[in-house]
N, C-alpha and C. Protein backbone atom coordinates (compact mmCIF):
# COMPACT_ATOMS: atom_id res chain seq x y z
N MET A 1 7.57 17.72 -14.96
CA MET A 1 6.43 18.04 -14.76
C MET A 1 6.09 18.34 -13.24
N SER A 2 6.42 19.34 -12.67
CA SER A 2 6.41 20.16 -11.61
C SER A 2 5.10 20.19 -11.03
N GLN A 3 5.05 19.42 -9.83
CA GLN A 3 3.74 19.70 -9.11
C GLN A 3 3.73 20.06 -7.60
N GLU A 4 4.94 21.08 -7.64
CA GLU A 4 5.30 21.72 -6.06
C GLU A 4 4.12 22.79 -5.92
N SER A 5 3.79 23.24 -6.78
CA SER A 5 2.90 24.50 -6.24
C SER A 5 1.40 24.10 -6.00
N SER A 6 1.37 22.83 -6.42
CA SER A 6 -0.11 22.59 -6.22
C SER A 6 -0.28 21.25 -4.89
N VAL A 7 0.52 20.99 -4.20
CA VAL A 7 0.52 20.37 -3.25
C VAL A 7 0.24 20.99 -2.09
N ALA A 8 -0.94 20.67 -1.44
CA ALA A 8 -1.59 21.09 -0.06
C ALA A 8 -0.29 20.87 0.96
N LEU A 9 -0.31 21.75 1.96
CA LEU A 9 0.31 22.04 3.24
C LEU A 9 0.09 20.54 3.78
N PRO A 10 1.30 19.81 3.70
CA PRO A 10 1.15 18.49 4.85
C PRO A 10 1.22 18.84 6.29
N GLN A 11 0.76 17.81 6.77
CA GLN A 11 0.44 17.90 8.18
C GLN A 11 1.30 16.13 8.92
N PRO A 12 2.34 16.61 9.83
CA PRO A 12 2.81 15.41 10.47
C PRO A 12 2.07 14.85 11.40
N VAL A 13 2.08 13.33 11.09
CA VAL A 13 1.66 12.83 11.87
C VAL A 13 2.49 12.19 13.34
N ALA A 14 3.58 12.08 13.02
CA ALA A 14 4.68 11.67 14.17
C ALA A 14 5.87 12.46 13.96
N THR A 15 6.97 12.17 14.73
CA THR A 15 8.42 12.51 14.56
C THR A 15 9.36 11.09 14.39
N ARG A 16 9.86 10.83 13.45
CA ARG A 16 10.83 9.84 13.51
C ARG A 16 11.93 10.19 14.22
N LEU A 17 12.62 9.51 15.31
CA LEU A 17 14.02 9.77 15.90
C LEU A 17 15.00 8.88 15.26
N GLY A 18 16.27 9.45 14.95
CA GLY A 18 17.30 8.39 14.17
C GLY A 18 16.77 7.71 12.69
N MET A 19 17.54 7.04 12.33
CA MET A 19 17.41 6.45 11.05
C MET A 19 16.17 5.58 11.10
N TRP A 20 15.85 4.84 12.45
CA TRP A 20 14.99 3.69 12.36
C TRP A 20 13.73 4.06 13.42
N GLY A 21 13.83 5.25 13.87
CA GLY A 21 13.13 5.40 15.17
C GLY A 21 13.84 5.38 16.20
N SER A 22 14.82 5.31 16.03
CA SER A 22 16.07 5.30 17.42
C SER A 22 15.62 4.56 18.49
N PRO A 23 15.90 3.11 18.32
CA PRO A 23 15.89 2.30 19.20
C PRO A 23 17.00 2.22 19.98
N PRO A 24 16.98 1.69 21.09
CA PRO A 24 18.19 1.41 21.90
C PRO A 24 19.40 0.78 21.20
N GLY A 25 20.62 1.40 21.35
CA GLY A 25 21.47 1.02 20.97
C GLY A 25 21.82 1.29 19.17
N ASP A 26 21.33 2.67 18.90
CA ASP A 26 21.22 2.86 17.24
C ASP A 26 22.73 3.23 17.08
N VAL A 27 23.00 2.83 16.06
CA VAL A 27 24.47 2.62 15.59
C VAL A 27 24.48 3.13 13.99
N SER A 28 23.34 3.56 13.55
CA SER A 28 23.36 4.19 12.35
C SER A 28 24.41 5.79 12.03
N GLY A 29 24.65 6.38 12.97
CA GLY A 29 24.96 7.58 13.07
C GLY A 29 24.02 8.69 13.09
N PHE A 30 23.09 8.36 13.02
CA PHE A 30 21.48 9.35 12.70
C PHE A 30 21.16 9.51 14.06
N ASP A 31 21.57 9.07 15.31
CA ASP A 31 20.63 9.11 16.18
C ASP A 31 20.00 10.60 16.94
N GLY A 32 20.66 11.62 16.37
CA GLY A 32 20.34 12.76 16.67
C GLY A 32 19.28 13.26 15.58
N LEU A 33 18.97 12.69 14.52
CA LEU A 33 17.91 13.15 13.56
C LEU A 33 16.37 13.01 13.92
N ALA A 34 15.79 13.97 13.59
CA ALA A 34 14.34 14.31 14.19
C ALA A 34 13.61 14.65 12.83
N THR A 35 12.69 13.53 12.00
CA THR A 35 12.06 13.85 10.81
C THR A 35 10.75 13.86 10.87
N PRO A 36 10.12 14.80 10.73
CA PRO A 36 8.50 14.58 10.69
C PRO A 36 8.20 13.52 9.56
N VAL A 37 7.31 12.80 10.21
CA VAL A 37 6.20 11.88 9.30
C VAL A 37 4.99 12.47 8.82
N VAL A 38 5.41 12.41 7.49
CA VAL A 38 3.99 13.01 6.54
C VAL A 38 3.35 11.76 5.72
N ARG A 39 2.15 11.77 5.66
CA ARG A 39 1.59 10.53 5.10
C ARG A 39 0.23 11.20 4.20
N HIS A 40 0.00 10.77 2.81
CA HIS A 40 -1.24 10.71 2.30
C HIS A 40 -1.39 12.11 2.09
N THR A 41 -0.53 12.95 1.62
CA THR A 41 -0.73 14.47 1.34
C THR A 41 -1.84 14.69 -0.02
N ARG A 42 -2.74 15.71 0.10
CA ARG A 42 -3.50 15.73 -1.22
C ARG A 42 -3.04 16.95 -1.75
N ALA A 43 -3.24 16.91 -2.99
CA ALA A 43 -3.02 18.19 -4.02
C ALA A 43 -4.14 18.62 -4.46
N VAL A 44 -3.92 19.85 -5.09
CA VAL A 44 -5.64 20.41 -5.50
C VAL A 44 -4.78 21.03 -7.17
N ARG A 45 -5.96 21.24 -7.87
CA ARG A 45 -6.00 21.52 -9.22
C ARG A 45 -5.41 22.85 -9.40
N PRO A 46 -4.79 23.05 -10.63
CA PRO A 46 -4.50 22.01 -11.66
C PRO A 46 -3.36 21.14 -10.97
N TYR A 47 -3.48 19.91 -11.43
CA TYR A 47 -2.39 18.91 -11.03
C TYR A 47 -1.36 19.01 -12.35
N GLY A 48 -1.70 19.47 -13.57
CA GLY A 48 -0.87 19.48 -14.35
C GLY A 48 -0.72 17.92 -15.28
N GLY A 49 -0.53 18.46 -16.86
CA GLY A 49 -0.10 17.30 -17.59
C GLY A 49 -1.34 16.18 -17.67
N TRP A 50 -1.29 15.12 -18.08
CA TRP A 50 -2.49 14.27 -17.82
C TRP A 50 -3.14 13.79 -16.79
N PHE A 51 -2.63 14.25 -15.72
CA PHE A 51 -3.46 14.00 -14.39
C PHE A 51 -4.29 14.35 -14.26
N ASP A 52 -4.89 15.51 -14.70
CA ASP A 52 -6.05 16.46 -14.73
C ASP A 52 -7.19 15.46 -15.61
N ASP A 53 -6.73 15.10 -16.71
CA ASP A 53 -7.72 14.16 -17.41
C ASP A 53 -7.86 12.70 -17.05
N VAL A 54 -7.05 12.26 -16.18
CA VAL A 54 -7.50 10.83 -15.76
C VAL A 54 -8.48 11.36 -14.24
N ALA A 55 -8.24 12.60 -13.68
CA ALA A 55 -8.95 12.64 -12.53
C ALA A 55 -10.35 12.88 -13.08
N ASP A 56 -10.64 13.65 -14.24
CA ASP A 56 -11.83 14.03 -14.51
C ASP A 56 -12.53 12.77 -15.01
N HIS A 57 -11.89 11.81 -15.39
CA HIS A 57 -12.84 10.55 -15.92
C HIS A 57 -13.10 9.62 -14.52
N LEU A 58 -12.11 9.82 -13.67
CA LEU A 58 -12.50 9.10 -12.28
C LEU A 58 -13.55 9.98 -11.40
N GLU A 59 -13.60 11.07 -11.78
CA GLU A 59 -14.40 11.91 -10.82
C GLU A 59 -15.85 11.33 -11.32
N LYS A 60 -16.23 11.08 -12.57
CA LYS A 60 -17.36 10.66 -13.35
C LYS A 60 -18.04 9.37 -12.27
N LEU A 61 -17.04 8.93 -11.87
CA LEU A 61 -17.25 7.40 -11.27
C LEU A 61 -17.47 7.71 -9.88
N VAL A 62 -16.87 8.32 -9.16
CA VAL A 62 -16.80 8.60 -7.66
C VAL A 62 -16.58 9.70 -7.50
N PRO A 63 -17.73 10.53 -7.38
CA PRO A 63 -18.02 12.16 -7.08
C PRO A 63 -17.22 12.36 -6.02
N GLY A 64 -16.41 13.67 -6.02
CA GLY A 64 -15.69 13.89 -4.78
C GLY A 64 -14.58 13.34 -4.86
N LEU A 65 -13.86 12.67 -5.99
CA LEU A 65 -12.71 12.09 -5.99
C LEU A 65 -11.57 13.03 -6.34
N GLY A 66 -11.74 14.13 -6.66
CA GLY A 66 -10.70 15.31 -7.08
C GLY A 66 -10.01 15.29 -5.84
N ASP A 67 -10.69 15.26 -4.18
CA ASP A 67 -10.21 15.80 -3.21
C ASP A 67 -9.41 14.65 -2.65
N GLN A 68 -9.16 13.58 -3.44
CA GLN A 68 -8.48 12.48 -2.73
C GLN A 68 -7.20 12.00 -3.72
N ILE A 69 -6.39 12.92 -4.18
CA ILE A 69 -5.28 12.81 -4.98
C ILE A 69 -4.37 13.18 -4.52
N ASN A 70 -3.07 12.71 -4.80
CA ASN A 70 -1.63 12.88 -4.24
C ASN A 70 -0.67 12.79 -5.84
N THR A 71 -0.14 13.97 -5.92
CA THR A 71 0.64 13.90 -7.04
C THR A 71 2.22 14.09 -6.60
N ASP A 72 2.57 13.73 -5.40
CA ASP A 72 3.81 13.83 -4.68
C ASP A 72 4.91 13.06 -5.62
N HIS A 73 6.01 13.59 -5.90
CA HIS A 73 6.91 13.18 -6.69
C HIS A 73 6.64 12.43 -8.17
N ASP A 74 6.11 13.49 -8.75
CA ASP A 74 5.15 13.92 -10.04
C ASP A 74 4.67 12.13 -10.30
N GLU A 75 4.04 11.51 -9.25
CA GLU A 75 3.47 10.37 -9.53
C GLU A 75 2.06 10.63 -8.88
N LEU A 76 1.08 9.93 -9.49
CA LEU A 76 -0.56 10.11 -9.35
C LEU A 76 -1.22 9.18 -8.60
N THR A 77 -1.57 9.56 -7.34
CA THR A 77 -2.13 8.48 -6.63
C THR A 77 -3.38 9.02 -6.04
N VAL A 78 -4.48 7.65 -6.45
CA VAL A 78 -5.81 8.05 -6.09
C VAL A 78 -6.43 7.14 -4.96
N TYR A 79 -7.02 7.95 -3.87
CA TYR A 79 -7.49 7.50 -2.76
C TYR A 79 -8.98 7.20 -2.65
N LEU A 80 -9.05 5.54 -2.63
CA LEU A 80 -10.51 5.32 -3.07
C LEU A 80 -11.09 4.71 -1.94
N PRO A 81 -12.11 5.02 -1.68
CA PRO A 81 -13.33 4.36 -0.68
C PRO A 81 -13.22 2.91 -1.24
N ARG A 82 -13.07 1.73 -0.48
CA ARG A 82 -12.70 0.57 -1.08
C ARG A 82 -14.14 -0.14 -1.54
N GLN A 83 -15.54 0.39 -1.46
CA GLN A 83 -16.41 0.02 -2.16
C GLN A 83 -16.54 0.26 -3.52
N HIS A 84 -15.53 1.17 -4.13
CA HIS A 84 -15.67 1.99 -5.24
C HIS A 84 -14.43 0.76 -6.32
N LEU A 85 -13.41 0.28 -5.20
CA LEU A 85 -12.32 -0.20 -6.08
C LEU A 85 -12.60 -1.06 -7.47
N ILE A 86 -13.62 -2.00 -7.24
CA ILE A 86 -14.03 -2.69 -8.57
C ILE A 86 -14.32 -2.04 -9.51
N ASP A 87 -15.38 -0.97 -9.44
CA ASP A 87 -15.54 -0.17 -10.84
C ASP A 87 -14.72 0.83 -11.22
N VAL A 88 -13.75 1.21 -10.18
CA VAL A 88 -12.78 2.27 -10.81
C VAL A 88 -11.96 1.27 -11.61
N SER A 89 -11.29 0.17 -10.91
CA SER A 89 -10.28 -0.91 -11.43
C SER A 89 -10.94 -1.04 -13.13
N GLN A 90 -12.25 -1.47 -12.98
CA GLN A 90 -12.73 -2.08 -14.29
C GLN A 90 -12.67 -0.84 -15.42
N ALA A 91 -13.03 0.44 -14.89
CA ALA A 91 -12.79 1.47 -15.74
C ALA A 91 -11.59 2.10 -16.05
N CYS A 92 -10.72 1.74 -15.21
CA CYS A 92 -9.41 2.27 -15.70
C CYS A 92 -8.63 1.25 -16.78
N ARG A 93 -8.99 -0.09 -16.61
CA ARG A 93 -8.75 -1.09 -17.60
C ARG A 93 -9.08 -0.79 -19.14
N ASP A 94 -10.69 -0.42 -18.77
CA ASP A 94 -11.46 -0.76 -20.34
C ASP A 94 -11.60 0.78 -21.03
N GLU A 95 -11.66 1.76 -20.39
CA GLU A 95 -12.25 3.11 -20.94
C GLU A 95 -10.73 3.62 -21.72
N ALA A 96 -11.24 3.92 -23.03
CA ALA A 96 -10.28 4.44 -24.19
C ALA A 96 -9.29 5.55 -23.66
N ASP A 97 -9.96 6.22 -22.77
CA ASP A 97 -8.84 7.39 -22.55
C ASP A 97 -7.97 7.23 -21.16
N LEU A 98 -8.19 5.93 -20.66
CA LEU A 98 -7.48 5.49 -19.49
C LEU A 98 -6.37 4.38 -19.88
N ARG A 99 -7.42 3.11 -20.23
CA ARG A 99 -6.23 2.23 -20.53
C ARG A 99 -5.29 1.47 -19.80
N PHE A 100 -5.30 1.52 -18.52
CA PHE A 100 -4.54 0.96 -17.71
C PHE A 100 -4.78 -0.48 -17.51
N GLU A 101 -4.01 -1.45 -18.72
CA GLU A 101 -4.64 -2.30 -18.91
C GLU A 101 -3.50 -3.57 -18.06
N VAL A 102 -2.76 -3.17 -17.16
CA VAL A 102 -1.73 -4.16 -16.36
C VAL A 102 -2.06 -3.39 -15.00
N CYS A 103 -2.19 -4.55 -14.14
CA CYS A 103 -1.86 -4.43 -12.65
C CYS A 103 -0.42 -4.64 -12.48
N VAL A 104 0.52 -3.89 -12.23
CA VAL A 104 1.91 -4.58 -12.41
C VAL A 104 2.02 -4.87 -10.57
N SER A 105 1.47 -4.63 -9.46
CA SER A 105 1.65 -5.15 -8.23
C SER A 105 0.44 -4.70 -7.26
N VAL A 106 0.25 -5.74 -6.42
CA VAL A 106 -0.69 -4.98 -5.28
C VAL A 106 0.12 -5.18 -4.03
N SER A 107 0.47 -4.38 -3.37
CA SER A 107 1.14 -4.56 -2.01
C SER A 107 0.05 -3.85 -0.62
N GLY A 108 0.79 -4.13 0.21
CA GLY A 108 0.12 -3.63 1.69
C GLY A 108 1.05 -2.44 2.36
N ALA A 109 0.36 -2.09 3.53
CA ALA A 109 0.85 -1.17 4.39
C ALA A 109 0.05 -1.37 5.69
N HIS A 110 0.68 -0.81 6.68
CA HIS A 110 0.15 -1.20 8.01
C HIS A 110 0.63 -0.16 8.70
N TYR A 111 -0.34 1.12 9.15
CA TYR A 111 -0.22 2.34 9.74
C TYR A 111 -1.14 1.94 11.44
N PRO A 112 -0.49 1.39 12.30
CA PRO A 112 -1.41 1.16 13.53
C PRO A 112 -2.10 2.58 14.20
N ASP A 113 -1.31 3.72 13.88
CA ASP A 113 -1.88 4.95 14.45
C ASP A 113 -2.91 5.31 13.69
N GLU A 114 -3.21 5.14 12.65
CA GLU A 114 -4.47 5.53 11.72
C GLU A 114 -5.59 4.81 11.91
N VAL A 115 -6.33 5.35 13.06
CA VAL A 115 -7.43 4.56 13.61
C VAL A 115 -8.43 4.66 12.77
N GLY A 116 -9.16 3.16 12.19
CA GLY A 116 -9.86 3.15 11.31
C GLY A 116 -9.54 3.00 9.97
N ALA A 117 -8.36 3.32 9.72
CA ALA A 117 -7.71 2.98 8.43
C ALA A 117 -6.36 2.33 8.56
N GLU A 118 -6.14 1.29 9.58
CA GLU A 118 -4.69 0.87 9.88
C GLU A 118 -4.29 0.17 8.49
N LEU A 119 -4.88 -0.51 7.72
CA LEU A 119 -4.47 -1.15 7.07
C LEU A 119 -4.72 -0.66 5.36
N HIS A 120 -3.76 -0.62 4.56
CA HIS A 120 -4.00 -0.11 3.35
C HIS A 120 -3.19 -0.97 2.03
N VAL A 121 -4.31 -1.11 1.07
CA VAL A 121 -3.78 -1.52 -0.02
C VAL A 121 -3.65 -0.66 -1.33
N ILE A 122 -2.22 -0.88 -1.95
CA ILE A 122 -2.11 -0.18 -3.00
C ILE A 122 -1.57 -0.92 -4.20
N TYR A 123 -2.23 -0.51 -5.35
CA TYR A 123 -2.31 -1.03 -6.52
C TYR A 123 -1.85 -0.35 -7.68
N HIS A 124 -0.68 -0.87 -8.08
CA HIS A 124 0.44 -0.03 -9.30
C HIS A 124 -0.32 -0.22 -10.72
N LEU A 125 -0.62 0.62 -11.46
CA LEU A 125 -1.31 -0.06 -12.68
C LEU A 125 -0.76 0.88 -13.94
N LEU A 126 -0.30 0.31 -14.84
CA LEU A 126 0.15 0.62 -16.00
C LEU A 126 -0.38 0.54 -17.33
N SER A 127 -0.53 1.74 -18.16
CA SER A 127 -0.88 2.00 -19.49
C SER A 127 -0.18 1.70 -20.54
N LEU A 128 -0.02 0.71 -21.14
CA LEU A 128 0.75 0.18 -22.43
C LEU A 128 0.35 1.25 -23.48
N THR A 129 -1.00 1.51 -23.58
CA THR A 129 -1.31 2.37 -24.55
C THR A 129 -1.01 3.78 -24.48
N HIS A 130 -0.88 4.22 -23.18
CA HIS A 130 -0.51 5.89 -23.02
C HIS A 130 0.55 5.89 -22.45
N ASN A 131 1.43 4.74 -22.00
CA ASN A 131 2.61 4.95 -21.06
C ASN A 131 2.67 5.76 -19.96
N ARG A 132 1.81 5.45 -19.45
CA ARG A 132 1.44 6.12 -18.03
C ARG A 132 1.18 5.13 -16.88
N ARG A 133 1.59 5.63 -15.76
CA ARG A 133 1.13 4.84 -14.48
C ARG A 133 0.48 5.29 -13.42
N LEU A 134 -0.12 4.52 -12.89
CA LEU A 134 -1.51 5.16 -11.97
C LEU A 134 -1.48 4.27 -10.46
N ARG A 135 -1.43 4.91 -9.57
CA ARG A 135 -1.66 3.87 -8.37
C ARG A 135 -2.83 4.39 -7.87
N LEU A 136 -3.87 3.34 -7.23
CA LEU A 136 -4.99 3.15 -6.43
C LEU A 136 -4.35 3.01 -4.94
N GLU A 137 -5.24 3.48 -4.35
CA GLU A 137 -4.68 3.13 -2.51
C GLU A 137 -6.35 3.23 -1.83
N VAL A 138 -6.58 1.78 -1.28
CA VAL A 138 -7.91 1.77 -0.43
C VAL A 138 -7.50 1.50 0.94
N THR A 139 -8.50 1.75 2.17
CA THR A 139 -7.80 1.21 3.23
C THR A 139 -9.17 0.56 3.69
N CYS A 140 -8.68 -0.25 4.94
CA CYS A 140 -9.60 -0.79 5.69
C CYS A 140 -9.28 -0.90 7.40
N PRO A 141 -10.12 -0.98 8.17
CA PRO A 141 -9.84 -1.16 9.60
C PRO A 141 -9.27 -2.43 10.05
N ASP A 142 -8.33 -2.46 10.93
CA ASP A 142 -7.89 -3.63 11.87
C ASP A 142 -9.01 -4.93 11.97
N ASP A 143 -10.10 -4.20 12.75
CA ASP A 143 -11.05 -5.30 12.59
C ASP A 143 -12.45 -5.39 11.65
N ASP A 144 -12.10 -4.98 10.42
CA ASP A 144 -12.40 -5.68 9.24
C ASP A 144 -11.92 -5.43 8.05
N ALA A 145 -10.62 -6.25 8.07
CA ALA A 145 -9.60 -6.17 7.11
C ALA A 145 -9.85 -6.88 6.06
N VAL A 146 -10.91 -6.40 5.14
CA VAL A 146 -11.76 -7.17 3.94
C VAL A 146 -11.67 -5.92 2.64
N VAL A 147 -11.17 -6.48 1.80
CA VAL A 147 -11.16 -5.88 0.54
C VAL A 147 -11.52 -6.73 -0.79
N ASP A 148 -12.34 -6.31 -1.59
CA ASP A 148 -12.85 -6.88 -2.51
C ASP A 148 -11.53 -7.30 -3.57
N SER A 149 -11.42 -8.63 -4.16
CA SER A 149 -10.23 -8.90 -5.00
C SER A 149 -10.56 -8.45 -6.17
N VAL A 150 -9.42 -7.67 -6.76
CA VAL A 150 -9.36 -7.38 -8.21
C VAL A 150 -8.98 -8.58 -9.42
N THR A 151 -9.29 -9.69 -8.77
CA THR A 151 -8.69 -10.80 -9.90
C THR A 151 -9.59 -10.78 -11.10
N GLY A 152 -10.95 -10.21 -10.97
CA GLY A 152 -11.85 -10.49 -11.95
C GLY A 152 -11.51 -9.46 -13.01
N VAL A 153 -11.14 -8.42 -12.77
CA VAL A 153 -10.47 -7.57 -13.79
C VAL A 153 -8.85 -7.74 -14.12
N TYR A 154 -8.22 -8.01 -13.09
CA TYR A 154 -6.57 -8.12 -13.29
C TYR A 154 -6.39 -9.51 -13.05
N PRO A 155 -6.46 -10.81 -13.61
CA PRO A 155 -6.28 -11.81 -13.07
C PRO A 155 -4.81 -12.15 -12.59
N HIS A 156 -3.90 -11.43 -13.49
CA HIS A 156 -2.60 -11.50 -12.84
C HIS A 156 -2.26 -11.14 -11.24
N ALA A 157 -3.30 -10.38 -10.68
CA ALA A 157 -3.36 -10.01 -9.54
C ALA A 157 -3.45 -11.11 -8.59
N ASN A 158 -3.91 -12.23 -8.60
CA ASN A 158 -3.88 -13.55 -7.98
C ASN A 158 -2.88 -13.70 -7.07
N TRP A 159 -1.43 -13.66 -7.26
CA TRP A 159 -0.27 -13.95 -6.50
C TRP A 159 0.14 -12.91 -5.47
N HIS A 160 -0.15 -11.64 -6.34
CA HIS A 160 -0.17 -10.30 -5.30
C HIS A 160 -0.92 -10.18 -4.09
N GLU A 161 -2.14 -10.36 -4.38
CA GLU A 161 -2.95 -10.45 -3.36
C GLU A 161 -3.06 -11.73 -2.23
N ARG A 162 -2.31 -12.79 -2.76
CA ARG A 162 -2.03 -13.80 -1.74
C ARG A 162 -0.99 -13.20 -1.06
N GLU A 163 0.14 -12.72 -1.73
CA GLU A 163 1.09 -12.28 -0.74
C GLU A 163 0.47 -11.30 0.37
N THR A 164 -0.04 -10.43 0.02
CA THR A 164 -0.61 -9.16 0.83
C THR A 164 -1.65 -9.52 1.77
N TRP A 165 -2.17 -10.92 1.79
CA TRP A 165 -3.02 -11.87 2.71
C TRP A 165 -1.68 -12.39 3.83
N ASP A 166 -1.00 -13.13 2.86
CA ASP A 166 -0.23 -13.62 3.74
C ASP A 166 0.63 -12.77 4.68
N MET A 167 1.18 -11.51 4.25
CA MET A 167 2.03 -10.34 4.94
C MET A 167 1.22 -9.67 5.78
N PHE A 168 -0.08 -9.13 5.56
CA PHE A 168 -0.83 -8.36 6.38
C PHE A 168 -1.99 -8.97 6.63
N GLY A 169 -2.74 -9.90 6.30
CA GLY A 169 -3.62 -10.39 6.83
C GLY A 169 -5.19 -9.86 6.23
N ILE A 170 -5.10 -8.77 5.34
CA ILE A 170 -5.91 -8.36 4.60
C ILE A 170 -6.71 -9.76 3.66
N VAL A 171 -8.09 -9.83 3.71
CA VAL A 171 -8.92 -10.81 3.14
C VAL A 171 -9.65 -10.14 2.19
N PHE A 172 -9.26 -10.82 0.91
CA PHE A 172 -9.59 -10.15 -0.63
C PHE A 172 -10.88 -11.15 -0.82
N THR A 173 -11.85 -10.61 -0.84
CA THR A 173 -13.43 -11.42 -0.95
C THR A 173 -13.28 -11.88 -2.40
N GLY A 174 -13.77 -13.11 -2.83
CA GLY A 174 -13.72 -13.14 -4.43
C GLY A 174 -12.65 -13.55 -4.75
N HIS A 175 -11.26 -13.67 -4.17
CA HIS A 175 -10.22 -14.49 -4.82
C HIS A 175 -10.41 -15.97 -4.82
N PRO A 176 -9.85 -16.40 -6.09
CA PRO A 176 -10.03 -18.08 -6.05
C PRO A 176 -9.48 -18.85 -5.39
N GLY A 177 -8.51 -18.38 -4.67
CA GLY A 177 -7.70 -19.37 -3.78
C GLY A 177 -6.78 -18.70 -2.71
N LEU A 178 -7.32 -17.90 -1.61
CA LEU A 178 -6.58 -17.04 -1.04
C LEU A 178 -6.05 -17.73 0.02
N THR A 179 -4.46 -18.69 -0.28
CA THR A 179 -3.81 -18.97 0.56
C THR A 179 -2.37 -18.58 0.80
N ARG A 180 -1.78 -19.06 1.68
CA ARG A 180 -0.26 -18.23 2.11
C ARG A 180 0.66 -18.58 0.72
N ILE A 181 1.16 -17.42 0.54
CA ILE A 181 2.15 -17.82 -0.54
C ILE A 181 3.87 -17.92 -0.29
N LEU A 182 4.18 -17.44 0.84
CA LEU A 182 5.42 -17.15 1.10
C LEU A 182 5.83 -18.07 2.61
N MET A 183 4.75 -17.92 3.27
CA MET A 183 5.11 -18.38 4.86
C MET A 183 4.26 -19.79 4.62
N PRO A 184 4.69 -20.83 5.49
CA PRO A 184 3.88 -22.20 5.76
C PRO A 184 2.53 -22.00 5.94
N ASP A 185 1.39 -23.09 5.51
CA ASP A 185 0.02 -23.00 5.65
C ASP A 185 -0.04 -22.81 7.15
N ASP A 186 0.46 -23.36 7.91
CA ASP A 186 -0.04 -23.22 9.38
C ASP A 186 0.84 -22.27 10.47
N TRP A 187 1.27 -21.26 9.35
CA TRP A 187 2.42 -20.18 10.27
C TRP A 187 0.81 -19.03 10.96
N ALA A 188 1.53 -18.71 12.08
CA ALA A 188 0.74 -17.82 12.64
C ALA A 188 1.05 -16.13 12.66
N GLY A 189 0.35 -15.67 12.24
CA GLY A 189 0.50 -14.14 12.45
C GLY A 189 0.98 -13.56 10.63
N HIS A 190 0.93 -12.21 10.34
CA HIS A 190 1.25 -11.93 9.29
C HIS A 190 2.63 -10.87 9.13
N PRO A 191 3.63 -11.51 8.73
CA PRO A 191 5.05 -10.87 9.40
C PRO A 191 5.38 -9.70 9.10
N GLN A 192 4.65 -8.72 8.07
CA GLN A 192 4.98 -7.09 7.63
C GLN A 192 4.08 -6.41 8.35
N ARG A 193 3.24 -6.84 9.15
CA ARG A 193 2.78 -5.74 10.09
C ARG A 193 3.36 -5.28 11.06
N LYS A 194 3.08 -4.37 11.56
CA LYS A 194 3.96 -3.30 12.26
C LYS A 194 3.76 -3.79 13.79
N ASP A 195 2.90 -4.73 14.25
CA ASP A 195 2.90 -5.40 15.47
C ASP A 195 3.19 -6.79 15.64
N TYR A 196 3.98 -7.14 14.84
CA TYR A 196 4.70 -8.70 14.57
C TYR A 196 6.01 -8.47 15.22
N PRO A 197 6.33 -9.40 15.99
CA PRO A 197 7.79 -9.26 16.56
C PRO A 197 8.70 -9.46 15.76
N LEU A 198 9.60 -8.66 15.78
CA LEU A 198 10.74 -8.53 15.10
C LEU A 198 11.96 -9.73 15.33
N SER A 199 11.55 -10.14 16.99
CA SER A 199 12.68 -11.13 17.17
C SER A 199 12.01 -12.02 17.80
N GLY A 200 12.95 -13.10 18.47
CA GLY A 200 12.06 -14.12 19.45
C GLY A 200 11.36 -15.52 18.77
N VAL A 201 11.12 -15.36 17.38
CA VAL A 201 10.17 -16.40 16.84
C VAL A 201 11.19 -17.28 16.29
N PRO A 202 10.99 -18.64 16.72
CA PRO A 202 11.93 -19.77 16.08
C PRO A 202 11.47 -20.21 15.01
N VAL A 203 12.56 -20.46 14.05
CA VAL A 203 11.98 -20.92 12.53
C VAL A 203 12.32 -22.39 12.81
N ASP A 204 11.73 -23.26 12.00
CA ASP A 204 11.99 -24.83 11.65
C ASP A 204 12.25 -24.66 10.44
N PHE A 205 13.40 -25.32 9.56
CA PHE A 205 13.63 -25.98 8.33
C PHE A 205 14.07 -27.46 8.50
N LYS A 206 13.16 -27.87 7.63
CA LYS A 206 13.12 -29.71 7.93
C LYS A 206 13.72 -30.19 8.67
N GLY A 207 13.17 -29.94 9.87
CA GLY A 207 13.51 -30.76 11.00
C GLY A 207 14.64 -29.92 12.09
N ALA A 208 15.43 -28.97 11.31
CA ALA A 208 16.35 -28.32 11.95
C ALA A 208 16.02 -26.96 12.61
N GLN A 209 16.24 -26.77 13.76
CA GLN A 209 15.58 -25.55 14.15
C GLN A 209 16.64 -24.25 14.44
N THR A 210 16.36 -23.15 14.17
CA THR A 210 17.05 -22.15 14.08
C THR A 210 16.47 -21.12 15.39
N PRO A 211 17.40 -20.66 16.25
CA PRO A 211 17.14 -20.35 17.09
C PRO A 211 16.58 -18.71 16.91
N PRO A 212 15.84 -18.24 17.79
CA PRO A 212 15.13 -16.54 17.69
C PRO A 212 16.56 -16.01 17.57
N PRO A 213 16.35 -14.61 16.83
CA PRO A 213 17.35 -13.77 16.86
C PRO A 213 18.05 -13.42 18.27
N ASP A 214 17.40 -13.20 19.15
CA ASP A 214 17.99 -12.85 20.45
C ASP A 214 18.37 -13.79 21.10
N GLU A 215 18.21 -14.82 20.63
CA GLU A 215 19.13 -15.88 21.76
C GLU A 215 20.45 -16.57 21.00
N ARG A 216 20.78 -16.09 19.68
CA ARG A 216 21.86 -16.23 18.61
C ARG A 216 22.79 -15.86 19.37
N ARG A 217 24.17 -16.11 18.69
CA ARG A 217 25.57 -16.04 19.34
C ARG A 217 26.08 -14.32 19.09
N HIS A 218 26.08 -13.47 19.90
CA HIS A 218 26.42 -12.14 19.59
C HIS A 218 27.88 -12.17 19.20
N TYR A 219 28.38 -11.46 18.09
CA TYR A 219 29.47 -11.53 17.85
C TYR A 219 30.19 -10.04 18.02
């Protein structure tokens, strides 16, 4: 199912130089590459296949949602205002024509250049009934990094929300036990944020200390 004809023209938000942003000493071999960075494109109807049917159902819950849908790579992504997350999740699970019974994963993303929407939470839903996948995405600002927990709808999202809190610092209100899951309880900061230092952080392992990467032996 091709969606190429229905995708709105994307607008680059930045240009990435090299493979990883062309840091000093780029040895990837792609240091001359300039790639436009495009995010969160919007599609226009008809999307094709079952995408339109799902969009119709969600539009009843959130009017205007039809303008907040992405169909890149034949995947359906719906961008939601965070205040509608629980209602839409409940409908996705329970409505017979939707029946996304499983929340496969919850993950985060950090885009410091998106003022007022720096933090994103992405929910991957699976319908065993219809053999379909759906992605919901909500945003929140750095200074109000709060999103409702979906554990009341999808209890197994518990650990995924804990990891997203641990790595990105997004607080999930209503979560039954929002504690770190990967990092030690007393760890400072959230390691997958773009403003987290990539080096220079000493790590302790049961009394033995590993020096920061920039202080280790160079080979």
